[in-house]
């Protein structure tokens, strides 16, 4: 390996999301982890092996969500004929994308098991207008033909935007040592079992994507390299659900397993599935994200079947279907999913015409699909729903195009066959995908209540993320 004469660790994270009308930058990025760097000296010392363990911490408090403890061990071998004493360096800060420079504050260093102090130095970063970035530096003597073990520990805060977090580790800083890195073993350990739901293995979510070659085993994600000549392309990145988000998934799964007749629990489960299947309006396209979307549909079906007169669960279901079929499948608005989104929204509006969340969603759908939902003044007219279901009339006046909710506890006539039972609840895994929930009316022609009205022009629309259900 050639020495890195001027290694820039300033990272300006500009991430483009795939929403139709805008691009966003990611929230601030902390100083990344990195390999040791020998400074600017030419050296005969090789990094014979390195082992990096990134232990993701449980979300004990909101401010600690998305943190990890890093333990990096390096086995160094002097291949030359003379001992070398080098100033070994480690980066402790970087541009966070907002021109702030947060620092690692709990760096610990051991050489052959003995703690050693560090001194602070600054190095101009040519990629950041030569801004002087701080590094930790410490001297190490490398005898000829003998291994020297160096251990570096610190706390790493990931790049966060709920419900996702990304951790990085820069392998490229190890390029300053002699030759290749003999072997590198990198492990990310979670506080629960890893799976394609909580680890984004095939998907870049705007901020990052998980580095290729990841092996999920138990609670760990692993990478192994041999004779690595590291460049920026080899830097480790891992994209995960935040621990708090995944803990909520596990909690709500347990709640419905204990009581399959609890409609509120099913609704909460549908909501967290919805949240974890997307970032803003971008739905995950990986297998885990797609199945989370289907699981969300199934959970909302259970919730609205058990609680047919709960307006907000109908609205939350409508939001899921509308976002899924409009924002991700623009040309497929004729599918039953989009029609059912309107149907669920119509039920929600009939049940509560003053709820701000429902009114906001009505406006969003109206502007996006004016031929499917028009407005007469402030009153929505669901044009794609050409007939009113035969239900008990509401005490609140509505238009003839708005379905009326039933006041009984029985599921609505248009509800699918996913009716909860007292049987135990099993949550499907990616190894055996769950069947897609039965949609109400397979096509407009098969359901006399639903038909299309004319040609729909899809208008891109920025929709706020905050939702009640």
Protein backbone atom coordinates (compact mmCIF):
# COMPACT_ATOMS: atom_id res chain seq x y z
CA UNK A 1 0.00 0.00 0.00
CA UNK A 2 1.14 3.53 -0.66
CA UNK A 3 1.05 6.09 2.15
CA UNK A 4 -1.90 8.46 2.07
CA UNK A 5 -0.24 11.83 1.73
CA UNK A 6 -3.35 13.77 2.54
CA UNK A 7 -6.34 11.70 3.60
CA UNK A 8 -9.55 13.65 3.76
CA UNK A 9 -12.16 12.47 6.19
CA UNK A 10 -14.54 15.35 5.74
CA UNK A 11 -17.76 13.76 4.64
CA UNK A 12 -20.45 15.94 3.14
CA UNK A 13 -23.45 13.64 2.94
CA UNK A 14 -25.77 14.72 0.16
CA UNK A 15 -28.39 12.05 -0.32
CA UNK A 16 -30.99 12.09 -3.04
CA UNK A 17 -34.30 10.45 -2.26
CA UNK A 18 -36.45 9.01 -4.99
CA UNK A 19 -39.63 10.89 -4.17
CA UNK A 20 -40.97 12.34 -7.41
CA UNK A 21 -40.56 16.04 -6.72
CA UNK A 22 -37.73 16.78 -4.33
CA UNK A 23 -34.31 15.82 -3.08
CA UNK A 24 -33.23 16.01 0.52
CA UNK A 25 -30.02 15.97 2.44
CA UNK A 26 -29.58 13.55 5.28
CA UNK A 27 -29.41 14.58 8.92
CA UNK A 28 -25.98 15.29 10.40
CA UNK A 29 -23.37 12.55 10.22
CA UNK A 30 -21.00 11.93 13.14
CA UNK A 31 -17.28 11.22 12.89
CA UNK A 32 -16.99 7.78 11.30
CA UNK A 33 -14.89 4.95 12.64
CA UNK A 34 -11.69 4.23 10.77
CA UNK A 35 -8.56 2.15 10.50
CA UNK A 36 -5.34 3.41 12.01
CA UNK A 37 -3.14 5.54 9.74
CA UNK A 38 0.64 5.82 10.09
CA UNK A 39 0.80 9.47 9.13
CA UNK A 40 2.82 10.52 6.11
CA UNK A 41 5.84 8.31 6.76
CA UNK A 42 6.82 5.47 4.47
CA UNK A 43 6.84 2.32 6.57
CA UNK A 44 7.65 -1.37 6.48
CA UNK A 45 4.96 -2.10 9.07
CA UNK A 46 2.08 -4.15 7.75
CA UNK A 47 -1.43 -4.47 9.16
CA UNK A 48 -1.38 -8.25 9.33
CA UNK A 49 -4.92 -8.57 10.65
CA UNK A 50 -7.72 -6.49 12.05
CA UNK A 51 -10.90 -7.37 13.88
CA UNK A 52 -13.64 -4.79 14.27
CA UNK A 53 -16.70 -5.35 16.47
CA UNK A 54 -19.51 -2.76 16.33
CA UNK A 55 -21.99 -3.47 19.13
CA UNK A 56 -25.29 -1.66 18.55
CA UNK A 57 -26.64 -0.44 21.88
CA UNK A 58 -30.25 -0.99 23.02
CA UNK A 59 -32.41 2.11 22.87
CA UNK A 60 -32.47 2.80 26.61
CA UNK A 61 -33.33 6.47 26.05
CA UNK A 62 -34.26 8.39 22.86
CA UNK A 63 -30.94 10.25 22.77
CA UNK A 64 -29.04 6.96 22.86
CA UNK A 65 -30.98 5.36 20.02
CA UNK A 66 -28.66 4.59 17.10
CA UNK A 67 -25.41 4.32 19.04
CA UNK A 68 -22.81 1.59 18.97
CA UNK A 69 -19.69 0.66 20.91
CA UNK A 70 -16.71 0.00 18.65
CA UNK A 71 -13.82 -2.29 19.59
CA UNK A 72 -11.15 -2.40 16.86
CA UNK A 73 -8.10 -4.63 17.27
CA UNK A 74 -5.07 -4.50 14.97
CA UNK A 75 -2.20 -6.95 14.66
CA UNK A 76 0.79 -5.05 13.22
CA UNK A 77 4.00 -6.67 11.91
CA UNK A 78 7.26 -4.92 11.03
CA UNK A 79 8.56 -6.58 7.85
CA UNK A 80 11.70 -4.44 7.71
CA UNK A 81 15.20 -4.98 9.09
CA UNK A 82 15.09 -2.16 11.64
CA UNK A 83 12.67 -1.16 14.40
CA UNK A 84 10.35 1.72 13.60
CA UNK A 85 8.75 4.29 15.90
CA UNK A 86 5.76 5.86 14.20
CA UNK A 87 3.18 8.49 15.07
CA UNK A 88 -0.01 6.48 14.63
CA UNK A 89 -3.14 8.52 13.95
CA UNK A 90 -6.87 8.08 14.31
CA UNK A 91 -9.57 10.52 13.03
CA UNK A 92 -11.86 11.94 15.69
CA UNK A 93 -13.97 14.44 13.71
CA UNK A 94 -15.52 15.13 10.31
CA UNK A 95 -17.80 17.63 8.62
CA UNK A 96 -21.30 16.50 9.51
CA UNK A 97 -22.86 17.84 6.33
CA UNK A 98 -24.08 20.97 8.09
CA UNK A 99 -20.58 22.40 8.62
CA UNK A 100 -20.50 21.29 12.22
CA UNK A 101 -17.62 19.14 13.41
CA UNK A 102 -18.69 16.77 16.21
CA UNK A 103 -15.90 14.78 17.84
CA UNK A 104 -15.41 11.36 19.34
CA UNK A 105 -14.92 12.08 23.04
CA UNK A 106 -14.32 8.65 24.61
CA UNK A 107 -11.46 7.29 22.50
CA UNK A 108 -9.38 4.68 24.28
CA UNK A 109 -6.08 3.19 23.01
CA UNK A 110 -4.08 0.19 24.23
CA UNK A 111 -0.74 -1.02 22.87
CA UNK A 112 0.03 -4.65 23.76
CA UNK A 113 -2.69 -4.46 26.42
CA UNK A 114 -1.35 -1.30 28.08
CA UNK A 115 -3.37 1.93 27.93
CA UNK A 116 -1.60 4.79 26.26
CA UNK A 117 -2.44 8.47 26.03
CA UNK A 118 -3.06 10.39 22.83
CA UNK A 119 -2.37 13.93 21.72
CA UNK A 120 -4.56 16.10 19.56
CA UNK A 121 -3.28 17.21 16.18
CA UNK A 122 -4.96 18.93 13.24
CA UNK A 123 -4.66 18.06 9.58
CA UNK A 124 -6.04 20.29 6.79
CA UNK A 125 -8.69 18.56 4.74
CA UNK A 126 -8.37 19.46 1.05
CA UNK A 127 -11.94 18.29 0.38
CA UNK A 128 -13.31 20.70 2.97
CA UNK A 129 -11.55 23.94 1.97
CA UNK A 130 -8.50 22.78 3.93
CA UNK A 131 -10.49 22.97 7.15
CA UNK A 132 -8.24 21.76 10.01
CA UNK A 133 -9.70 18.50 11.26
CA UNK A 134 -8.64 17.02 14.62
CA UNK A 135 -6.97 13.61 14.88
CA UNK A 136 -5.73 11.64 17.87
CA UNK A 137 -2.05 10.71 17.61
CA UNK A 138 0.13 8.37 19.67
CA UNK A 139 3.60 6.90 19.23
CA UNK A 140 4.19 3.17 18.82
CA UNK A 141 7.50 1.30 18.45
CA UNK A 142 7.38 -1.68 16.12
CA UNK A 143 10.27 -4.16 16.71
CA UNK A 144 11.53 -6.18 13.76
CA UNK A 145 9.66 -9.42 13.12
CA UNK A 146 7.37 -9.12 16.15
CA UNK A 147 3.65 -8.48 16.22
CA UNK A 148 2.35 -5.42 18.03
CA UNK A 149 -1.29 -5.42 19.06
CA UNK A 150 -3.21 -2.15 19.13
CA UNK A 151 -6.78 -1.81 20.41
CA UNK A 152 -8.96 1.26 19.85
CA UNK A 153 -12.37 1.71 21.50
CA UNK A 154 -14.96 4.48 21.23
CA UNK A 155 -18.67 5.19 20.93
CA UNK A 156 -20.09 5.76 17.46
CA UNK A 157 -23.36 7.58 16.81
CA UNK A 158 -24.96 6.50 13.56
CA UNK A 159 -26.48 8.65 10.85
CA UNK A 160 -30.10 8.72 11.91
CA UNK A 161 -33.47 9.50 10.43
CA UNK A 162 -36.25 7.56 12.08
CA UNK A 163 -36.82 4.67 11.66
CA UNK A 164 -33.38 4.00 10.12
CA UNK A 165 -29.79 4.33 11.27
CA UNK A 166 -26.55 3.85 9.35
CA UNK A 167 -23.12 3.00 10.77
CA UNK A 168 -19.88 3.42 8.86
CA UNK A 169 -16.32 2.25 9.31
CA UNK A 170 -13.59 3.58 7.00
CA UNK A 171 -11.24 0.85 5.85
CA UNK A 172 -9.46 3.17 3.42
CA UNK A 173 -7.38 4.81 6.16
CA UNK A 174 -5.51 1.51 6.48
CA UNK A 175 -4.01 2.01 3.03
CA UNK A 176 -1.05 3.87 4.52
CA UNK A 177 0.54 0.69 5.91
CA UNK A 178 2.92 -1.55 4.00
CA UNK A 179 1.38 -4.06 1.59
CA UNK A 180 -2.17 -5.27 1.93
CA UNK A 181 -4.27 -5.86 5.03
CA UNK A 182 -3.70 -9.57 5.58
CA UNK A 183 -7.19 -10.29 6.87
CA UNK A 184 -10.09 -8.19 8.07
CA UNK A 185 -13.08 -9.41 10.03
CA UNK A 186 -15.84 -6.91 10.65
CA UNK A 187 -18.88 -7.70 12.75
CA UNK A 188 -21.97 -5.67 13.62
CA UNK A 189 -23.80 -7.14 16.62
CA UNK A 190 -27.44 -6.27 17.32
CA UNK A 191 -29.32 -6.66 20.62
CA UNK A 192 -31.75 -9.06 18.87
CA UNK A 193 -31.81 -11.54 15.99
CA UNK A 194 -30.87 -10.15 12.59
CA UNK A 195 -33.14 -10.66 9.61
CA UNK A 196 -33.99 -8.95 6.30
CA UNK A 197 -36.71 -6.94 8.06
CA UNK A 198 -34.34 -5.07 10.39
CA UNK A 199 -31.20 -5.17 8.19
CA UNK A 200 -31.43 -3.54 4.77
CA UNK A 201 -29.35 -6.01 2.81
CA UNK A 202 -30.39 -5.24 -0.76
CA UNK A 203 -31.60 -1.67 -0.57
CA UNK A 204 -30.12 1.81 -0.53
CA UNK A 205 -32.43 4.04 1.47
CA UNK A 206 -31.03 7.42 0.46
CA UNK A 207 -28.41 7.68 3.17
CA UNK A 208 -26.66 4.43 2.51
CA UNK A 209 -26.88 0.78 1.70
CA UNK A 210 -25.40 -2.19 3.53
CA UNK A 211 -22.04 -3.18 2.07
CA UNK A 212 -22.17 -6.25 -0.19
CA UNK A 213 -21.10 -9.63 1.10
CA UNK A 214 -22.89 -9.30 4.45
CA UNK A 215 -23.68 -12.58 6.19
CA UNK A 216 -26.53 -12.54 8.72
CA UNK A 217 -26.05 -15.09 11.48
CA UNK A 218 -27.92 -15.00 14.78
CA UNK A 219 -27.49 -11.50 16.19
CA UNK A 220 -24.54 -10.64 13.96
CA UNK A 221 -23.79 -9.25 10.51
CA UNK A 222 -20.34 -10.28 9.29
CA UNK A 223 -17.83 -9.45 6.55
CA UNK A 224 -14.45 -11.10 5.88
CA UNK A 225 -11.66 -9.92 3.60
CA UNK A 226 -8.28 -11.37 2.65
CA UNK A 227 -5.26 -9.41 1.37
CA UNK A 228 -7.28 -6.22 1.09
CA UNK A 229 -5.87 -3.12 -0.58
CA UNK A 230 -8.54 -0.76 0.80
CA UNK A 231 -10.01 2.15 -1.11
CA UNK A 232 -13.07 4.27 -0.43
CA UNK A 233 -15.14 1.62 -2.23
CA UNK A 234 -14.28 -0.84 0.56
CA UNK A 235 -15.53 1.33 3.42
CA UNK A 236 -18.06 -0.51 5.55
CA UNK A 237 -21.64 0.68 5.66
CA UNK A 238 -24.57 -1.01 7.37
CA UNK A 239 -28.17 0.22 7.25
CA UNK A 240 -30.51 -0.92 10.02
CA UNK A 241 -33.81 -0.22 11.65
CA UNK A 242 -33.25 1.79 14.82
CA UNK A 243 -33.45 -0.41 17.92
CA UNK A 244 -36.47 1.56 19.18
CA UNK A 245 -38.36 0.91 15.93
CA UNK A 246 -37.60 -2.82 15.88
CA UNK A 247 -38.45 -3.13 19.58
CA UNK A 248 -41.84 -1.62 18.79
CA UNK A 249 -42.37 -4.25 16.06
CA UNK A 250 -41.53 -7.04 18.51
CA UNK A 251 -43.73 -5.52 21.22
CA UNK A 252 -46.79 -5.23 18.99
CA UNK A 253 -46.28 -8.71 17.56
CA UNK A 254 -46.30 -10.03 21.12
CA UNK A 255 -49.42 -8.01 21.94
CA UNK A 256 -51.51 -9.46 19.10
CA UNK A 257 -50.16 -12.95 19.78
CA UNK A 258 -51.45 -12.68 23.36
CA UNK A 259 -54.82 -11.28 22.33
CA UNK A 260 -55.78 -11.75 18.66
CA UNK A 261 -59.11 -10.01 19.33
CA UNK A 262 -57.49 -6.68 20.29
CA UNK A 263 -58.19 -4.37 17.37
CA UNK A 264 -56.06 -1.56 18.79
CA UNK A 265 -53.06 -3.90 19.00
CA UNK A 266 -53.56 -4.95 15.38
CA UNK A 267 -53.79 -1.31 14.36
CA UNK A 268 -50.58 -0.42 16.18
CA UNK A 269 -48.87 -3.39 14.54
CA UNK A 270 -50.05 -2.25 11.11
CA UNK A 271 -48.78 1.26 11.82
CA UNK A 272 -45.26 0.18 12.87
CA UNK A 273 -45.05 -2.18 9.89
CA UNK A 274 -45.98 0.80 7.71
CA UNK A 275 -43.35 3.03 9.33
CA UNK A 276 -40.59 0.45 9.02
CA UNK A 277 -41.40 -0.35 5.39
CA UNK A 278 -40.58 3.17 4.21
CA UNK A 279 -38.64 6.36 4.74
CA UNK A 280 -40.90 9.36 4.17
CA UNK A 281 -42.76 8.38 0.99
CA UNK A 282 -40.09 6.02 -0.34
CA UNK A 283 -41.07 2.42 0.21
CA UNK A 284 -38.33 -0.14 0.53
CA UNK A 285 -37.93 -2.24 -2.59
CA UNK A 286 -36.00 -5.06 -0.92
CA UNK A 287 -37.70 -8.34 -0.01
CA UNK A 288 -37.93 -7.43 3.66
CA UNK A 289 -39.50 -4.05 2.93
CA UNK A 290 -42.01 -5.50 0.49
CA UNK A 291 -43.12 -8.10 2.98
CA UNK A 292 -43.45 -5.46 5.72
CA UNK A 293 -45.83 -3.62 3.38
CA UNK A 294 -47.93 -6.77 2.93
CA UNK A 295 -47.87 -7.47 6.67
CA UNK A 296 -49.06 -3.93 7.30
CA UNK A 297 -52.02 -4.48 4.97
CA UNK A 298 -52.94 -7.69 6.79
CA UNK A 299 -52.68 -6.03 10.23
CA UNK A 300 -54.81 -3.05 9.20
CA UNK A 301 -57.40 -5.46 7.83
CA UNK A 302 -57.58 -7.15 11.21
CA UNK A 303 -57.80 -3.81 13.02
CA UNK A 304 -60.62 -2.43 10.85
CA UNK A 305 -62.51 -5.73 10.97
CA UNK A 306 -62.44 -5.71 14.77
CA UNK A 307 -63.00 -1.95 15.05
CA UNK A 308 -65.13 -1.06 12.00
CA UNK A 309 -66.21 2.27 13.48
CA UNK A 310 -62.73 3.53 14.32
CA UNK A 311 -62.19 6.33 11.81
CA UNK A 312 -58.45 6.70 12.37
CA UNK A 313 -57.61 3.06 11.71
CA UNK A 314 -59.52 3.29 8.42
CA UNK A 315 -57.59 6.47 7.61
CA UNK A 316 -54.26 4.92 8.52
CA UNK A 317 -55.06 1.97 6.27
CA UNK A 318 -56.05 4.35 3.46
CA UNK A 319 -52.75 6.19 3.81
CA UNK A 320 -50.78 2.94 3.56
CA UNK A 321 -52.58 1.84 0.40
CA UNK A 322 -52.53 5.25 -1.25
CA UNK A 323 -48.83 5.81 -0.57
CA UNK A 324 -47.92 2.29 -1.65
CA UNK A 325 -49.78 2.31 -4.94
CA UNK A 326 -49.38 5.96 -5.88
CA UNK A 327 -45.84 6.80 -4.86
CA UNK A 328 -44.27 3.48 -5.79
CA UNK A 329 -46.49 2.11 -8.55
CA UNK A 330 -47.58 5.20 -10.44
CA UNK A 331 -49.00 3.43 -13.50
CA UNK A 332 -50.90 0.85 -11.47
CA UNK A 333 -53.62 3.08 -10.00
CA UNK A 334 -56.26 0.87 -11.59
CA UNK A 335 -55.33 -1.92 -9.21
CA UNK A 336 -57.77 -2.74 -6.41
CA UNK A 337 -55.26 -1.41 -3.91
CA UNK A 338 -55.72 2.19 -5.05
CA UNK A 339 -59.49 1.82 -5.20
CA UNK A 340 -59.50 0.34 -1.76
CA UNK A 341 -57.45 3.26 -0.48
CA UNK A 342 -60.30 5.54 -1.57
CA UNK A 343 -62.84 3.21 -0.02
CA UNK A 344 -61.04 3.19 3.34
CA UNK A 345 -60.69 6.97 3.22
CA UNK A 346 -64.40 7.32 2.44
CA UNK A 347 -65.27 5.21 5.47
CA UNK A 348 -62.94 7.25 7.65
CA UNK A 349 -64.47 10.52 6.47
CA UNK A 350 -68.01 9.25 7.00
CA UNK A 351 -67.11 8.28 10.55
CA UNK A 352 -65.37 11.54 11.47
CA UNK A 353 -65.58 14.61 9.25
CA UNK A 354 -63.67 16.86 11.64
CA UNK A 355 -60.50 14.85 12.30
CA UNK A 356 -57.49 16.91 11.03
CA UNK A 357 -55.55 13.84 9.90
CA UNK A 358 -58.47 12.60 7.81
CA UNK A 359 -59.09 16.03 6.29
CA UNK A 360 -55.41 16.41 5.45
CA UNK A 361 -55.37 13.00 3.77
CA UNK A 362 -58.54 13.88 1.81
CA UNK A 363 -56.80 17.01 0.51
CA UNK A 364 -53.66 15.09 -0.43
CA UNK A 365 -55.56 12.44 -2.36
CA UNK A 366 -57.72 15.09 -4.03
CA UNK A 367 -54.71 17.00 -5.34
CA UNK A 368 -52.94 13.82 -6.43
CA UNK A 369 -55.97 12.09 -7.99
CA UNK A 370 -58.54 14.77 -8.84
CA UNK A 371 -60.43 12.40 -11.14
CA UNK A 372 -60.76 9.87 -8.35
CA UNK A 373 -61.67 12.26 -5.55
CA UNK A 374 -63.09 15.72 -6.21
CA UNK A 375 -64.39 18.30 -3.77
CA UNK A 376 -67.60 20.29 -3.69
CA UNK A 377 -66.54 23.11 -1.46
CA UNK A 378 -65.10 21.35 1.58
CA UNK A 379 -67.00 18.11 0.95
CA UNK A 380 -65.13 15.24 -0.75
CA UNK A 381 -66.82 13.37 -3.59
CA UNK A 382 -65.35 9.91 -4.17
CA UNK A 383 -65.86 9.68 -7.91
CA UNK A 384 -64.23 6.27 -8.29
CA UNK A 385 -66.73 4.81 -5.81
CA UNK A 386 -69.79 5.08 -8.01
CA UNK A 387 -72.30 3.50 -5.65
CA UNK A 388 -72.91 3.87 -1.96
CA UNK A 389 -72.63 0.61 0.04
CA UNK A 390 -75.89 -0.36 1.70
CA UNK A 391 -75.11 0.56 5.29
CA UNK A 392 -76.92 2.30 8.11
CA UNK A 393 -77.06 6.07 7.51
CA UNK A 394 -74.80 8.30 9.55
CA UNK A 395 -76.30 10.98 11.78
CA UNK A 396 -73.96 13.44 10.06
CA UNK A 397 -75.00 14.44 6.53
CA UNK A 398 -72.68 13.23 3.80
CA UNK A 399 -72.63 13.26 0.03
CA UNK A 400 -74.17 10.42 -1.91
CA UNK A 401 -70.69 9.36 -2.99
CA UNK A 402 -69.50 8.80 0.56
CA UNK A 403 -69.96 5.31 2.07
CA UNK A 404 -71.72 5.27 5.41
CA UNK A 405 -70.27 3.36 8.38
CA UNK A 406 -72.20 0.67 10.15
CA UNK A 407 -72.99 1.41 13.81
CA UNK A 408 -72.76 -2.26 14.76
CA UNK A 409 -69.68 -4.15 15.89
CA UNK A 410 -69.84 -6.41 12.85
CA UNK A 411 -67.24 -5.94 10.10
CA UNK A 412 -68.33 -3.82 7.15
CA UNK A 413 -69.74 -5.71 4.14
CA UNK A 414 -66.73 -4.75 2.05
CA UNK A 415 -64.23 -6.02 4.59
CA UNK A 416 -61.94 -8.82 3.39
CA UNK A 417 -61.92 -12.34 4.73
CA UNK A 418 -59.00 -11.71 7.10
CA UNK A 419 -61.12 -11.97 10.22
CA UNK A 420 -59.15 -12.56 13.45
CA UNK A 421 -59.72 -15.71 15.39
CA UNK A 422 -58.59 -16.86 18.80
CA UNK A 423 -55.99 -19.12 17.22
CA UNK A 424 -52.32 -18.43 17.84
CA UNK A 425 -50.77 -15.79 15.63
CA UNK A 426 -47.71 -16.63 13.53
CA UNK A 427 -45.63 -14.00 11.81
CA UNK A 428 -44.27 -15.07 8.43
CA UNK A 429 -40.57 -15.09 7.67
CA UNK A 430 -38.88 -14.29 4.40
CA UNK A 431 -38.07 -17.92 3.88
CA UNK A 432 -41.77 -18.63 3.37
CA UNK A 433 -43.50 -15.46 2.23
CA UNK A 434 -47.00 -14.87 3.44
CA UNK A 435 -49.80 -14.90 0.88
CA UNK A 436 -51.01 -11.48 -0.13
CA UNK A 437 -54.18 -10.43 1.69
CA UNK A 438 -57.37 -10.82 -0.26
CA UNK A 439 -58.38 -7.46 -1.73
CA UNK A 440 -61.98 -6.35 -1.83
CA UNK A 441 -63.03 -6.78 -5.45
CA UNK A 442 -60.20 -8.18 -7.57
CA UNK A 443 -60.83 -5.66 -10.35
CA UNK A 444 -63.28 -2.79 -10.88
CA UNK A 445 -65.33 -5.00 -13.19
CA UNK A 446 -65.70 -7.68 -10.53
CA UNK A 447 -66.97 -5.27 -7.88
CA UNK A 448 -70.13 -3.35 -8.82
CA UNK A 449 -69.37 -0.76 -6.13
CA UNK A 450 -66.06 0.29 -7.70
CA UNK A 451 -65.31 1.66 -11.13
CA UNK A 452 -62.93 4.11 -12.79
CA UNK A 453 -64.08 7.48 -14.03
CA UNK A 454 -62.10 8.72 -17.01
CA UNK A 455 -58.37 9.18 -17.29
CA UNK A 456 -56.41 10.05 -14.16
CA UNK A 457 -53.49 12.47 -14.32
CA UNK A 458 -50.98 11.70 -11.57
CA UNK A 459 -49.74 14.94 -10.06
CA UNK A 460 -46.58 14.63 -7.91
CA UNK A 461 -47.19 15.89 -4.41
CA UNK A 462 -45.03 16.30 -1.34
CA UNK A 463 -46.89 14.72 1.55
CA UNK A 464 -45.92 15.18 5.20
CA UNK A 465 -44.69 12.14 7.09
CA UNK A 466 -46.44 12.75 10.40
CA UNK A 467 -49.47 10.55 10.82
CA UNK A 468 -51.75 9.69 13.67
CA UNK A 469 -52.46 6.12 12.62
